[in-house]
Amino acid sequence: MPELTASDIRDLVGNSPLMLEIGANDGCDTVKFLEVMPGATIHCFEPDPRAIKRWKKNVKCDRAILHECAVGNLGQKVTFHGSSGVAPRHMVPSPPPSCHLLEEWDLSGSMLAPSRHLSYSPWVTFPREREYEVGCVCLDTWAEGALSKYPFTFTVDFIWCDTQGAEGLVVQGGIETLKRTRWFYTETYNDPLYAGQPTTNELKNLVAKLLPDYEYVRQYNDNILFRNKALT
């Protein structure tokens, strides 16, 4: 199945969308979005201090705003299980993007403890010294303040959600914001990688229960796309 590209997103939302990138890591995708959508405003969320450091180095545009926290269903400190390890040589494309040049793999960290991930990618490790206490926000609570400068009837054009298993928590803590969101794209697995991660069908059912105006559009590898019928 194909990947959803930055150009595909532009075709859905135009050149100047309001976007949320939940799980931005080092900003590789952020940079692509900004290049393809020159008028975009992107609020990025990332809790891993290693990725935050690289994001600040990679993203040089004031239309991308970084929030150094996780997103879930709790407004408090949580334990973030940071990943480690070194990517095998066969996984590194040529020329490699910056995320494949890591001395230490930090792309698999999650608020949820790893489960099947430990056998799915045994080279990815989750050492105790990479557990961080990080801030966590509910999307709705954050939006009440951060998006207050926009009109009361603000619309988020697109949410890109890559939270390594915590996608159900993002939905639970962001119902009102998601009601004002046109497109929601999120990672998901039929066979979960983290303890407490919903399966793809469980996530679809959760969205259907909490967001009745949402319609499942299609699968993109390990991601799925929803559209808000009330806004699209």
Protein backbone atom coordinates (compact mmCIF):
# COMPACT_ATOMS: atom_id res chain seq x y z
CA MET A 1 0.00 0.00 0.00
CA PRO A 2 1.29 3.51 -0.75
CA GLU A 3 2.38 6.11 1.77
CA LEU A 4 0.48 9.36 2.19
CA THR A 5 2.86 12.09 0.99
CA ALA A 6 3.10 15.78 1.76
CA SER A 7 1.83 16.45 -1.77
CA ASP A 8 -1.20 14.24 -1.12
CA ILE A 9 -1.98 16.29 1.98
CA ARG A 10 -1.66 19.52 0.00
CA ASP A 11 -4.19 18.14 -2.48
CA LEU A 12 -6.62 17.65 0.41
CA VAL A 13 -6.10 20.93 2.30
CA GLY A 14 -4.41 23.42 -0.02
CA ASN A 15 -1.25 25.47 0.43
CA SER A 16 -2.05 27.23 3.73
CA PRO A 17 -3.51 24.72 6.18
CA LEU A 18 -3.54 24.72 9.96
CA MET A 19 -1.92 21.38 10.87
CA LEU A 20 -1.07 19.47 14.03
CA GLU A 21 1.85 17.04 13.87
CA ILE A 22 1.62 14.83 16.94
CA GLY A 23 4.87 12.91 17.28
CA ALA A 24 7.13 15.12 15.16
CA ASN A 25 10.45 13.50 16.14
CA ASP A 26 13.31 15.39 14.44
CA GLY A 27 11.19 17.44 12.03
CA CYS A 28 11.95 15.48 8.84
CA ASP A 29 8.25 15.40 7.96
CA THR A 30 7.74 18.94 9.23
CA VAL A 31 10.27 20.22 6.70
CA LYS A 32 8.53 18.32 3.87
CA PHE A 33 5.16 19.80 4.83
CA LEU A 34 6.57 23.33 4.89
CA GLU A 35 8.24 22.90 1.52
CA VAL A 36 5.10 21.63 -0.21
CA MET A 37 2.62 23.88 1.62
CA PRO A 38 4.39 27.27 1.85
CA GLY A 39 1.56 28.91 3.79
CA ALA A 40 1.07 26.14 6.35
CA THR A 41 1.01 26.72 10.12
CA ILE A 42 2.10 23.55 11.90
CA HIS A 43 1.90 22.91 15.64
CA CYS A 44 4.36 20.09 16.40
CA PHE A 45 4.39 17.92 19.52
CA GLU A 46 7.41 15.89 20.62
CA PRO A 47 8.39 14.67 24.13
CA ASP A 48 11.75 12.95 23.52
CA PRO A 49 14.60 15.35 24.45
CA ARG A 50 16.95 13.81 21.88
CA ALA A 51 14.50 14.33 19.02
CA ILE A 52 13.62 17.82 20.28
CA LYS A 53 17.27 18.83 20.01
CA ARG A 54 17.41 17.66 16.39
CA TRP A 55 14.03 19.24 15.53
CA LYS A 56 15.35 22.63 16.62
CA LYS A 57 18.37 22.13 14.37
CA ASN A 58 16.39 20.93 11.35
CA VAL A 59 13.32 23.21 11.34
CA LYS A 60 14.08 26.86 10.60
CA CYS A 61 10.64 28.33 9.98
CA ASP A 62 8.49 30.33 12.38
CA ARG A 63 5.34 28.81 10.88
CA ALA A 64 6.25 25.58 12.68
CA ILE A 65 5.76 25.80 16.45
CA LEU A 66 7.23 23.11 18.68
CA HIS A 67 5.48 21.96 21.87
CA GLU A 68 7.83 19.88 24.01
CA CYS A 69 5.31 17.42 25.41
CA ALA A 70 3.36 14.25 24.71
CA VAL A 71 -0.33 14.22 23.77
CA GLY A 72 -2.76 11.83 25.43
CA ASN A 73 -5.77 11.72 27.73
CA LEU A 74 -4.00 13.05 30.85
CA GLY A 75 -2.83 16.54 31.70
CA GLN A 76 0.09 15.54 33.91
CA LYS A 77 3.59 14.09 33.90
CA VAL A 78 3.86 10.63 32.36
CA THR A 79 6.64 8.10 31.81
CA PHE A 80 7.91 8.13 28.24
CA HIS A 81 9.62 4.89 27.19
CA GLY A 82 12.41 6.14 24.93
CA SER A 83 13.86 3.74 22.37
CA SER A 84 17.49 3.01 21.58
CA GLY A 85 19.50 0.73 19.27
CA VAL A 86 21.11 1.16 15.85
CA ALA A 87 19.25 0.63 12.57
CA PRO A 88 20.57 -2.34 10.54
CA ARG A 89 22.45 -1.46 7.40
CA HIS A 90 19.75 -2.83 5.10
CA MET A 91 17.22 -0.34 6.52
CA VAL A 92 19.29 2.69 5.57
CA PRO A 93 18.35 3.99 2.08
CA SER A 94 20.80 5.82 -0.16
CA PRO A 95 21.00 8.74 0.25
CA PRO A 96 19.77 8.36 3.81
CA PRO A 97 17.44 10.87 5.48
CA SER A 98 18.67 12.28 8.76
CA CYS A 99 16.49 9.95 10.80
CA HIS A 100 18.43 6.96 9.44
CA LEU A 101 21.80 8.43 10.42
CA LEU A 102 21.10 8.16 14.13
CA GLU A 103 23.77 6.89 16.47
CA GLU A 104 20.87 5.93 18.72
CA TRP A 105 17.40 5.08 17.38
CA ASP A 106 14.79 7.34 19.00
CA LEU A 107 11.89 6.82 16.57
CA SER A 108 10.02 4.17 18.55
CA GLY A 109 9.51 5.83 21.95
CA SER A 110 6.02 5.80 23.45
CA MET A 111 3.96 6.61 26.52
CA LEU A 112 3.06 2.91 26.41
CA ALA A 113 5.51 0.18 27.39
CA PRO A 114 6.73 -1.96 24.47
CA SER A 115 5.24 -5.44 24.09
CA ARG A 116 5.38 -7.17 20.67
CA HIS A 117 7.84 -4.48 19.57
CA LEU A 118 10.57 -6.33 21.46
CA SER A 119 10.32 -9.29 19.04
CA TYR A 120 9.03 -7.36 16.00
CA SER A 121 12.23 -5.28 15.80
CA PRO A 122 14.66 -6.89 18.27
CA TRP A 123 17.40 -4.40 17.38
CA VAL A 124 15.22 -1.63 18.87
CA THR A 125 15.76 -1.53 22.62
CA PHE A 126 14.02 0.30 25.45
CA PRO A 127 16.63 0.64 28.21
CA ARG A 128 15.61 1.88 31.63
CA GLU A 129 17.96 4.85 31.32
CA ARG A 130 15.88 6.05 28.34
CA GLU A 131 12.70 6.38 30.39
CA TYR A 132 11.84 10.05 30.80
CA GLU A 133 9.27 11.89 32.86
CA VAL A 134 7.62 14.22 30.34
CA GLY A 135 4.67 16.57 30.28
CA CYS A 136 1.48 15.33 28.68
CA VAL A 137 -1.46 17.40 27.45
CA CYS A 138 -4.99 16.59 26.37
CA LEU A 139 -5.51 17.97 22.90
CA ASP A 140 -8.74 19.71 23.93
CA THR A 141 -7.14 21.47 26.91
CA TRP A 142 -4.18 22.56 24.79
CA ALA A 143 -6.43 23.83 21.97
CA GLU A 144 -8.50 25.97 24.34
CA GLY A 145 -5.43 28.06 25.03
CA ALA A 146 -3.06 27.71 22.10
CA LEU A 147 -5.69 28.08 19.38
CA SER A 148 -7.59 30.89 21.12
CA LYS A 149 -5.91 33.42 18.82
CA TYR A 150 -7.79 31.84 15.95
CA PRO A 151 -11.53 32.50 15.52
CA PHE A 152 -13.76 30.63 17.96
CA THR A 153 -14.90 28.48 15.10
CA PHE A 154 -11.33 27.48 14.18
CA THR A 155 -10.85 24.47 11.94
CA VAL A 156 -7.79 22.25 12.04
CA ASP A 157 -7.26 21.14 8.47
CA PHE A 158 -5.12 18.09 9.10
CA ILE A 159 -3.79 16.07 12.05
CA TRP A 160 -0.77 13.82 11.48
CA CYS A 161 -0.58 11.46 14.46
CA ASP A 162 2.47 9.24 14.99
CA THR A 163 2.49 8.39 18.68
CA GLN A 164 3.72 4.79 18.66
CA GLY A 165 0.65 3.15 20.18
CA ALA A 166 -0.93 6.09 22.02
CA GLU A 167 -3.33 7.02 19.22
CA GLY A 168 -6.37 5.91 21.23
CA LEU A 169 -5.33 8.19 24.10
CA VAL A 170 -4.97 11.10 21.67
CA VAL A 171 -8.54 10.56 20.47
CA GLN A 172 -9.92 10.27 24.01
CA GLY A 173 -8.28 13.54 25.05
CA GLY A 174 -9.11 15.42 21.87
CA ILE A 175 -12.75 14.81 21.01
CA GLU A 176 -13.78 18.46 20.70
CA THR A 177 -10.67 19.37 18.70
CA LEU A 178 -11.18 16.40 16.41
CA LYS A 179 -14.75 17.53 15.82
CA ARG A 180 -13.18 20.70 14.38
CA THR A 181 -10.64 18.78 12.29
CA ARG A 182 -11.16 18.01 8.62
CA TRP A 183 -8.72 15.11 8.19
CA PHE A 184 -7.16 12.77 10.77
CA TYR A 185 -4.25 10.49 9.78
CA THR A 186 -2.85 8.11 12.36
CA GLU A 187 -0.52 5.16 12.71
CA THR A 188 -2.11 1.88 13.77
CA TYR A 189 -1.40 -1.86 13.73
CA ASN A 190 -3.63 -4.91 13.45
CA ASP A 191 -1.28 -6.62 15.89
CA PRO A 192 -0.28 -3.99 18.50
CA LEU A 193 3.36 -3.32 19.35
CA TYR A 194 2.79 -1.66 22.74
CA ALA A 195 0.92 -2.65 25.90
CA GLY A 196 -2.57 -1.14 25.77
CA GLN A 197 -2.36 -0.08 22.11
CA PRO A 198 -5.70 -0.59 20.32
CA THR A 199 -5.83 -2.79 17.24
CA THR A 200 -6.79 -1.12 13.98
CA ASN A 201 -10.39 -2.31 14.32
CA GLU A 202 -10.55 -1.18 17.95
CA LEU A 203 -9.29 2.27 16.93
CA LYS A 204 -11.85 2.48 14.12
CA ASN A 205 -14.59 1.52 16.57
CA LEU A 206 -13.40 4.11 19.09
CA VAL A 207 -13.45 6.85 16.45
CA ALA A 208 -16.89 5.74 15.25
CA LYS A 209 -18.23 5.84 18.84
CA LEU A 210 -16.74 9.20 19.87
CA LEU A 211 -16.78 10.98 16.49
CA PRO A 212 -19.87 9.92 14.54
CA ASP A 213 -19.20 12.43 11.77
CA TYR A 214 -15.89 10.70 10.98
CA GLU A 215 -15.61 8.37 8.01
CA TYR A 216 -12.79 5.90 7.43
CA VAL A 217 -11.20 6.63 4.04
CA ARG A 218 -8.39 4.13 3.47
CA GLN A 219 -5.29 2.37 4.75
CA TYR A 220 -1.75 3.59 4.00
CA ASN A 221 0.67 0.86 5.08
CA ASP A 222 0.53 1.09 8.90
CA ASN A 223 -1.57 4.28 8.89
CA ILE A 224 -5.22 5.05 8.32
CA LEU A 225 -6.99 8.19 7.13
CA PHE A 226 -10.32 9.53 8.39
CA ARG A 227 -12.30 12.47 7.08
CA ASN A 228 -14.81 14.58 8.96
CA LYS A 229 -17.97 14.49 6.84
CA ALA A 230 -19.26 17.58 8.64
CA LEU A 231 -16.30 19.67 7.39
CA THR A 232 -15.23 18.10 4.06
